[in-house]
Amino acid sequence: MGKSTDITADRVKSCASCGKCSKSCPAHIDISEVLGIYGEYLFGDVRTLEKLDGMESSGKPVDCIECGACTAHCPCGLDVKELMRELAMMQSCGRLMKFPYNGKVCKELLSGQSTPAKKF
């Protein structure tokens, strides 16, 4: 995994799963559960993100209104809002990514080693 993925994994790993973020969420997202799923994904279980598809229609990361209540209530000092934003972006891309992103594709495109898909 890339360095940025390792940093994110360490942040998620430091979550105490106390549930204070979830209790403060006006969108009723079970943030503790979502961060647990994200942690499993970051530590190598790429199939685990499919659990997000099975969650109730409300309460998914894409339902986050970015109010910051979760971050304000986190006793571990995690920027929970940012983690939720990362997951929401992954979830709203149409399909969840099936591999941990490490920037390889973007680096290849920028260096000219890879060609982007043709536009139709």
Protein backbone atom coordinates (compact mmCIF):
# COMPACT_ATOMS: atom_id res chain seq x y z
CA MET A 1 0.00 0.00 0.00
CA GLY A 2 1.08 3.59 -0.55
CA LYS A 3 2.30 5.89 2.18
CA SER A 4 -0.92 7.96 2.27
CA THR A 5 -2.96 4.76 2.61
CA ASP A 6 -0.77 3.69 5.53
CA ILE A 7 -1.34 7.03 7.26
CA THR A 8 -5.10 6.73 6.81
CA ALA A 9 -5.00 3.14 8.10
CA ASP A 10 -3.15 4.29 11.21
CA ARG A 11 -5.76 7.02 11.79
CA VAL A 12 -8.65 4.57 11.45
CA LYS A 13 -6.84 2.04 13.65
CA SER A 14 -6.65 4.63 16.46
CA CYS A 15 -10.46 4.77 16.69
CA ALA A 16 -11.61 3.60 20.12
CA SER A 17 -15.06 2.52 18.77
CA CYS A 18 -16.69 4.35 21.68
CA GLY A 19 -19.68 5.43 19.56
CA LYS A 20 -19.62 9.10 20.58
CA CYS A 21 -19.34 10.14 16.92
CA SER A 22 -22.35 8.02 15.96
CA LYS A 23 -24.46 9.38 18.81
CA SER A 24 -23.71 12.96 17.74
CA CYS A 25 -24.50 12.39 14.04
CA PRO A 26 -27.65 14.21 12.87
CA ALA A 27 -27.71 11.99 9.74
CA HIS A 28 -27.92 8.89 11.98
CA ILE A 29 -24.87 7.25 10.45
CA ASP A 30 -23.37 4.42 12.47
CA ILE A 31 -19.92 5.93 12.11
CA SER A 32 -18.26 3.37 14.37
CA GLU A 33 -19.46 0.57 12.10
CA VAL A 34 -18.47 2.48 8.94
CA LEU A 35 -14.97 3.20 10.27
CA GLY A 36 -14.62 -0.47 11.21
CA ILE A 37 -15.45 -1.43 7.63
CA TYR A 38 -13.01 1.18 6.30
CA GLY A 39 -10.30 -0.15 8.61
CA GLU A 40 -10.79 -3.71 7.37
CA TYR A 41 -10.52 -2.42 3.80
CA LEU A 42 -7.34 -0.45 4.49
CA PHE A 43 -5.73 -3.47 6.14
CA GLY A 44 -6.23 -5.60 3.04
CA ASP A 45 -9.78 -6.98 2.94
CA VAL A 46 -10.89 -5.26 -0.25
CA ARG A 47 -14.23 -7.09 -0.32
CA THR A 48 -15.34 -5.57 2.95
CA LEU A 49 -16.42 -2.27 1.37
CA GLU A 50 -19.26 -4.15 -0.25
CA LYS A 51 -20.86 -4.12 3.22
CA LEU A 52 -21.57 -0.42 2.66
CA ASP A 53 -23.84 -1.34 -0.25
CA GLY A 54 -25.87 -3.50 2.11
CA MET A 55 -26.44 -0.77 4.67
CA GLU A 56 -29.84 0.88 5.01
CA SER A 57 -30.55 3.59 2.45
CA SER A 58 -30.04 6.31 5.04
CA GLY A 59 -27.00 6.13 7.22
CA LYS A 60 -24.37 5.53 4.55
CA PRO A 61 -21.24 7.68 4.25
CA VAL A 62 -22.80 9.52 1.28
CA ASP A 63 -25.52 10.75 3.67
CA CYS A 64 -22.95 12.70 5.71
CA ILE A 65 -23.79 16.43 5.81
CA GLU A 66 -20.26 17.32 6.96
CA CYS A 67 -21.45 19.19 10.04
CA GLY A 68 -18.37 18.14 12.02
CA ALA A 69 -20.24 16.96 15.12
CA CYS A 70 -18.49 13.58 14.89
CA THR A 71 -15.04 15.17 14.88
CA ALA A 72 -15.97 17.48 17.77
CA HIS A 73 -17.07 14.50 19.90
CA CYS A 74 -14.15 12.16 19.09
CA PRO A 75 -12.07 11.59 22.24
CA CYS A 76 -9.22 10.25 20.09
CA GLY A 77 -8.93 13.49 18.13
CA LEU A 78 -9.67 11.86 14.78
CA ASP A 79 -10.87 14.02 11.92
CA VAL A 80 -13.88 11.76 11.50
CA LYS A 81 -15.55 14.16 9.08
CA GLU A 82 -12.59 13.83 6.70
CA LEU A 83 -12.63 10.03 6.94
CA MET A 84 -16.36 10.04 6.17
CA ARG A 85 -15.72 12.34 3.21
CA GLU A 86 -13.12 9.89 1.84
CA LEU A 87 -15.56 7.01 2.13
CA ALA A 88 -18.43 9.02 0.66
CA MET A 89 -16.31 9.93 -2.37
CA MET A 90 -15.39 6.28 -2.87
CA GLN A 91 -19.00 5.25 -2.48
CA SER A 92 -20.40 7.90 -4.81
CA CYS A 93 -18.03 7.02 -7.68
CA GLY A 94 -20.67 4.58 -8.90
CA ARG A 95 -18.90 1.46 -7.69
CA LEU A 96 -16.66 1.09 -4.73
CA MET A 97 -13.00 0.72 -5.57
CA LYS A 98 -11.94 -2.91 -5.39
CA PHE A 99 -8.35 -2.15 -4.37
CA PRO A 100 -6.65 0.30 -2.02
CA TYR A 101 -5.79 3.41 -4.02
CA ASN A 102 -2.10 4.25 -3.93
CA GLY A 103 -1.89 6.98 -6.55
CA LYS A 104 -0.21 4.68 -9.08
CA VAL A 105 -2.68 5.35 -11.87
CA CYS A 106 -2.40 9.14 -11.52
CA LYS A 107 1.40 9.00 -11.34
CA GLU A 108 1.51 6.89 -14.51
CA LEU A 109 -0.80 9.27 -16.36
CA LEU A 110 1.18 12.34 -15.27
CA SER A 111 4.48 10.77 -16.28
CA GLY A 112 3.14 9.68 -19.66
CA GLN A 113 3.76 5.98 -18.94
CA SER A 114 0.08 5.18 -19.30
CA THR A 115 -2.55 6.44 -21.66
CA PRO A 116 -5.97 7.54 -20.46
CA ALA A 117 -9.09 5.86 -21.79
CA LYS A 118 -10.28 7.20 -25.11
CA LYS A 119 -13.21 9.59 -25.06
CA PHE A 120 -16.13 8.65 -27.25
